Amino acid sequence: MNTTKIQSLEQLGLTENAAKAYLALITQGRLSYTDLAKQSGLNRASLYPLCKSLIDLGLVVEDQSNPVAQLVAQPVSRIKSMAQQELDEAERKMDLANQVIKELSAAAEKAVYPLPQTILITQDKIRSYIYESTKRWNESARATDKTWWGYQDPSFLEYYGDWIEWFWKQPSSKGITASLMSHESPIEEHMREATPSTRRIRVMKNTTFTGTQWACGSSIILINTAAEKHYLTEIIDPMLAANTREIFRQLWEKTT
């Protein structure tokens, strides 16, 4: 049986066996199921579903006017009709796709995307804010990598060192680690003695930090204690915080 013709019919959507059956019918014009099985080399039992698919496509008709049912091949021009049906179905799907895109685009335009929560704290409220936020920050850190990452201006310790010492005595700080970069300063030496080893400070040589930035859990906290008037900014955004934590983590590992 001509392999090239079978492959061409397969490309039009027929299965290999359906193509063999159809090619045998085209060659003979009319065959019973038994004769078709002999001509195509296919099992007779498998011919019934194959021929039904060919009948559904309009390529074959079943003549039951005789005692033995006969399968009759239709003009080969019907193949074009079969391809046209596929084109019509493709066009229908394309029209449906355009309609769905239009409907979904309208819905997308109405969607409300959450903006990061930004909190600004002035100097007179910083102390109470960091005390009140400690548990929340630690719970957020515990939900991710249990670590505070970032860098710290030693001047922060001059004004809020009491919070640092208090922080590490809190139940919420159990299991929490801080991995922070800073520069050399006497007050940092004192704080190192007053806090547990889980507060890890890496002194960066030839560097002076003039601000403090922490990334913990879903929060990024920025504090300026070098200016005449201190201020704190907290950005609550899980994605931004995750990226910031990863940057600080890699910096920490590279400066080991």
Protein backbone atom coordinates (compact mmCIF):
# COMPACT_ATOMS: atom_id res chain seq x y z
CA MET A 1 0.00 0.00 0.00
CA ASN A 2 1.31 3.41 -0.95
CA THR A 3 3.04 4.84 2.14
CA THR A 4 3.21 8.39 0.75
CA LYS A 5 -0.56 8.53 0.17
CA ILE A 6 -1.21 7.19 3.66
CA GLN A 7 1.06 9.84 5.18
CA SER A 8 -0.72 12.56 3.18
CA LEU A 9 -4.09 11.37 4.48
CA GLU A 10 -2.71 11.32 8.01
CA GLN A 11 -1.65 14.94 7.62
CA LEU A 12 -5.25 15.74 6.71
CA GLY A 13 -6.40 14.26 10.03
CA LEU A 14 -7.02 10.55 9.40
CA THR A 15 -5.42 7.91 11.57
CA GLU A 16 -3.02 5.53 9.88
CA ASN A 17 -5.53 2.66 9.89
CA ALA A 18 -8.38 4.88 8.70
CA ALA A 19 -6.13 6.04 5.85
CA LYS A 20 -5.36 2.42 4.91
CA ALA A 21 -9.06 1.53 4.87
CA TYR A 22 -10.00 4.60 2.84
CA LEU A 23 -7.19 4.03 0.33
CA ALA A 24 -8.32 0.42 -0.14
CA LEU A 25 -11.89 1.60 -0.79
CA ILE A 26 -10.74 4.28 -3.24
CA THR A 27 -8.81 1.64 -5.16
CA GLN A 28 -11.68 -0.89 -5.28
CA GLY A 29 -14.66 1.48 -5.22
CA ARG A 30 -16.96 -0.85 -3.21
CA LEU A 31 -16.12 -3.52 -0.66
CA SER A 32 -17.78 -5.52 2.06
CA TYR A 33 -16.28 -5.38 5.52
CA THR A 34 -14.74 -8.80 4.98
CA ASP A 35 -13.18 -7.82 1.65
CA LEU A 36 -12.00 -4.50 3.06
CA ALA A 37 -10.22 -6.34 5.85
CA LYS A 38 -8.42 -8.46 3.26
CA GLN A 39 -7.52 -5.51 1.03
CA SER A 40 -6.32 -3.24 3.83
CA GLY A 41 -4.71 -5.90 6.01
CA LEU A 42 -6.67 -4.66 9.01
CA ASN A 43 -8.58 -6.70 11.57
CA ARG A 44 -12.27 -6.83 10.65
CA ALA A 45 -13.42 -5.99 14.17
CA SER A 46 -11.38 -2.79 14.09
CA LEU A 47 -12.95 -1.72 10.79
CA TYR A 48 -16.36 -0.83 12.22
CA PRO A 49 -15.21 2.20 14.27
CA LEU A 50 -12.75 3.18 11.51
CA CYS A 51 -15.40 3.11 8.83
CA LYS A 52 -17.86 4.98 11.04
CA SER A 53 -15.31 7.81 11.31
CA LEU A 54 -14.92 7.81 7.51
CA ILE A 55 -18.73 7.88 7.10
CA ASP A 56 -18.98 10.79 9.57
CA LEU A 57 -16.41 12.67 7.47
CA GLY A 58 -18.45 12.08 4.33
CA LEU A 59 -15.68 10.11 2.63
CA VAL A 60 -17.54 6.78 2.67
CA VAL A 61 -21.17 5.63 2.69
CA GLU A 62 -22.56 2.30 3.80
CA ASP A 63 -24.91 0.62 1.31
CA GLN A 64 -27.27 -1.74 3.17
CA SER A 65 -29.52 -2.47 0.20
CA ASN A 66 -27.90 -5.90 -0.22
CA PRO A 67 -27.86 -8.76 2.31
CA VAL A 68 -24.18 -8.04 2.88
CA ALA A 69 -23.45 -4.41 3.72
CA GLN A 70 -21.15 -2.69 1.28
CA LEU A 71 -18.86 0.26 1.89
CA VAL A 72 -18.71 2.71 -1.00
CA ALA A 73 -16.01 5.33 -1.43
CA GLN A 74 -17.28 8.80 -2.25
CA PRO A 75 -15.59 11.04 -4.84
CA VAL A 76 -12.12 12.06 -3.69
CA SER A 77 -13.21 15.68 -3.97
CA ARG A 78 -14.91 15.11 -0.62
CA ILE A 79 -11.45 15.33 0.93
CA LYS A 80 -11.52 19.04 0.19
CA SER A 81 -14.87 19.29 1.95
CA MET A 82 -13.32 17.59 4.97
CA ALA A 83 -10.51 20.15 4.99
CA GLN A 84 -13.04 22.95 4.57
CA GLN A 85 -14.93 21.70 7.62
CA GLU A 86 -11.73 21.96 9.63
CA LEU A 87 -11.16 25.48 8.31
CA ASP A 88 -14.71 26.46 9.26
CA GLU A 89 -14.21 25.02 12.73
CA ALA A 90 -10.90 26.87 13.07
CA GLU A 91 -12.58 30.14 12.06
CA ARG A 92 -15.36 29.50 14.58
CA LYS A 93 -12.78 28.97 17.31
CA MET A 94 -10.89 32.09 16.24
CA ASP A 95 -14.09 34.16 16.45
CA LEU A 96 -14.77 32.67 19.88
CA ALA A 97 -11.19 33.40 20.98
CA ASN A 98 -11.50 37.04 19.90
CA GLN A 99 -14.77 37.34 21.80
CA VAL A 100 -13.26 35.82 24.95
CA ILE A 101 -10.18 38.08 24.68
CA LYS A 102 -12.44 41.12 24.42
CA GLU A 103 -14.48 40.07 27.46
CA LEU A 104 -11.42 39.19 29.56
CA SER A 105 -9.61 42.39 28.56
CA ALA A 106 -12.56 44.42 29.82
CA ALA A 107 -12.46 42.51 33.10
CA ALA A 108 -8.68 42.98 33.40
CA GLU A 109 -9.01 46.74 32.93
CA LYS A 110 -11.31 46.86 35.94
CA ALA A 111 -8.95 44.81 38.11
CA VAL A 112 -7.53 46.52 41.17
CA TYR A 113 -3.88 45.71 41.81
CA PRO A 114 -2.69 46.07 45.40
CA LEU A 115 -0.11 48.81 45.98
CA PRO A 116 2.64 48.38 48.58
CA GLN A 117 1.69 49.76 51.96
CA THR A 118 4.03 52.62 52.86
CA ILE A 119 4.24 53.97 56.40
CA LEU A 120 6.10 57.18 57.29
CA ILE A 121 7.08 57.77 60.92
CA THR A 122 8.44 61.03 62.25
CA GLN A 123 11.10 61.33 64.93
CA ASP A 124 8.69 61.82 67.82
CA LYS A 125 6.99 58.50 67.09
CA ILE A 126 9.90 56.28 66.04
CA ARG A 127 10.58 54.86 69.50
CA SER A 128 7.00 53.79 70.17
CA TYR A 129 6.66 52.49 66.60
CA ILE A 130 9.64 50.13 66.73
CA TYR A 131 8.58 48.78 70.13
CA GLU A 132 5.01 48.23 68.98
CA SER A 133 6.05 46.68 65.64
CA THR A 134 8.62 44.22 67.01
CA LYS A 135 6.24 41.27 67.38
CA ARG A 136 4.69 41.87 63.95
CA TRP A 137 8.09 42.10 62.29
CA ASN A 138 9.32 38.91 63.96
CA GLU A 139 6.18 37.01 63.03
CA SER A 140 6.62 38.12 59.43
CA ALA A 141 10.29 37.09 59.49
CA ARG A 142 9.34 33.73 60.99
CA ALA A 143 7.01 33.14 58.03
CA THR A 144 9.96 33.46 55.60
CA ASP A 145 13.60 32.81 56.56
CA LYS A 146 13.59 33.90 60.24
CA THR A 147 16.32 36.46 59.48
CA TRP A 148 16.68 40.23 59.53
CA TRP A 149 18.97 41.26 56.66
CA GLY A 150 20.48 44.64 55.88
CA TYR A 151 22.92 47.27 57.06
CA GLN A 152 22.95 49.52 60.09
CA ASP A 153 24.28 52.98 60.81
CA PRO A 154 25.88 52.81 64.30
CA SER A 155 24.24 56.13 65.12
CA PHE A 156 20.97 54.16 65.35
CA LEU A 157 22.42 52.47 68.44
CA GLU A 158 23.18 55.82 70.02
CA TYR A 159 19.51 56.78 69.98
CA TYR A 160 17.70 53.44 70.07
CA GLY A 161 20.20 51.01 71.52
CA ASP A 162 17.82 50.29 74.42
CA TRP A 163 15.35 48.87 71.89
CA ILE A 164 18.04 46.56 70.48
CA GLU A 165 18.79 45.11 73.92
CA TRP A 166 15.06 44.81 74.69
CA PHE A 167 14.40 43.22 71.28
CA TRP A 168 16.57 40.18 71.95
CA LYS A 169 14.84 39.48 75.25
CA GLN A 170 11.39 39.19 73.69
CA PRO A 171 9.67 35.80 73.22
CA SER A 172 8.94 36.69 69.58
CA SER A 173 12.70 37.00 68.95
CA LYS A 174 13.37 33.38 69.91
CA GLY A 175 14.77 31.58 66.85
CA ILE A 176 15.27 34.85 64.99
CA THR A 177 18.64 35.80 63.50
CA ALA A 178 19.97 39.19 62.40
CA SER A 179 22.64 39.34 59.71
CA LEU A 180 23.57 43.00 59.38
CA MET A 181 26.49 44.92 57.92
CA SER A 182 27.90 47.99 59.64
CA HIS A 183 31.15 49.90 60.06
CA GLU A 184 33.52 50.02 63.01
CA SER A 185 32.37 51.97 66.06
CA PRO A 186 32.83 51.74 69.85
CA ILE A 187 29.09 51.55 70.47
CA GLU A 188 28.81 48.53 68.23
CA GLU A 189 31.48 46.80 70.29
CA HIS A 190 29.41 47.44 73.41
CA MET A 191 26.21 46.21 71.77
CA ARG A 192 27.92 43.03 70.63
CA GLU A 193 28.61 42.18 74.27
CA ALA A 194 25.06 43.02 75.34
CA THR A 195 23.23 40.94 72.72
CA PRO A 196 23.21 37.22 71.80
CA SER A 197 25.29 35.61 69.07
CA THR A 198 22.20 35.40 66.87
CA ARG A 199 22.68 39.13 66.26
CA ARG A 200 25.47 38.87 63.72
CA ILE A 201 27.20 42.08 62.68
CA ARG A 202 29.74 42.07 59.87
CA VAL A 203 32.04 45.09 59.99
CA MET A 204 32.75 46.46 56.52
CA LYS A 205 36.14 48.12 56.15
CA ASN A 206 36.52 51.41 54.29
CA THR A 207 32.74 51.86 54.39
CA THR A 208 30.58 54.34 56.27
CA PHE A 209 26.86 53.72 56.54
CA THR A 210 24.76 56.86 56.96
CA GLY A 211 21.43 55.10 57.18
CA THR A 212 19.84 51.87 58.34
CA GLN A 213 17.92 49.43 56.19
CA TRP A 214 16.42 46.14 57.29
CA ALA A 215 14.54 43.54 55.29
CA CYS A 216 12.55 41.07 57.35
CA GLY A 217 9.61 38.98 56.25
CA SER A 218 7.32 41.15 54.12
CA SER A 219 8.77 44.47 55.30
CA ILE A 220 11.57 46.79 54.26
CA ILE A 221 12.40 49.28 57.03
CA LEU A 222 14.55 52.36 56.38
CA ILE A 223 15.69 54.62 59.21
CA ASN A 224 17.71 57.82 59.04
CA THR A 225 19.32 58.76 62.34
CA ALA A 226 22.19 60.73 60.80
CA ALA A 227 19.96 63.68 59.92
CA GLU A 228 18.99 66.33 62.43
CA LYS A 229 15.43 65.00 62.41
CA HIS A 230 15.12 61.25 62.35
CA TYR A 231 12.51 59.46 60.27
CA LEU A 232 11.47 55.90 59.54
CA THR A 233 9.86 54.50 56.41
CA GLU A 234 8.35 51.03 56.25
CA ILE A 235 7.34 49.43 52.96
CA ILE A 236 5.18 46.33 53.30
CA ASP A 237 5.39 44.36 50.09
CA PRO A 238 6.19 40.60 50.08
CA MET A 239 7.77 40.63 46.59
CA LEU A 240 9.98 43.68 47.11
CA ALA A 241 10.99 42.42 50.53
CA ALA A 242 11.87 38.97 49.18
CA ASN A 243 14.10 40.49 46.49
CA THR A 244 15.78 42.77 49.02
CA ARG A 245 16.39 39.89 51.43
CA GLU A 246 17.96 37.88 48.63
CA ILE A 247 20.31 40.74 47.66
CA PHE A 248 21.46 41.18 51.26
CA ARG A 249 21.82 37.42 51.70
CA GLN A 250 24.12 37.16 48.71
CA LEU A 251 26.14 40.19 49.83
CA TRP A 252 26.51 38.58 53.24
CA GLU A 253 27.78 35.34 51.76
CA LYS A 254 30.24 37.11 49.45
CA THR A 255 31.72 39.15 52.28
CA THR A 256 32.36 36.14 54.52
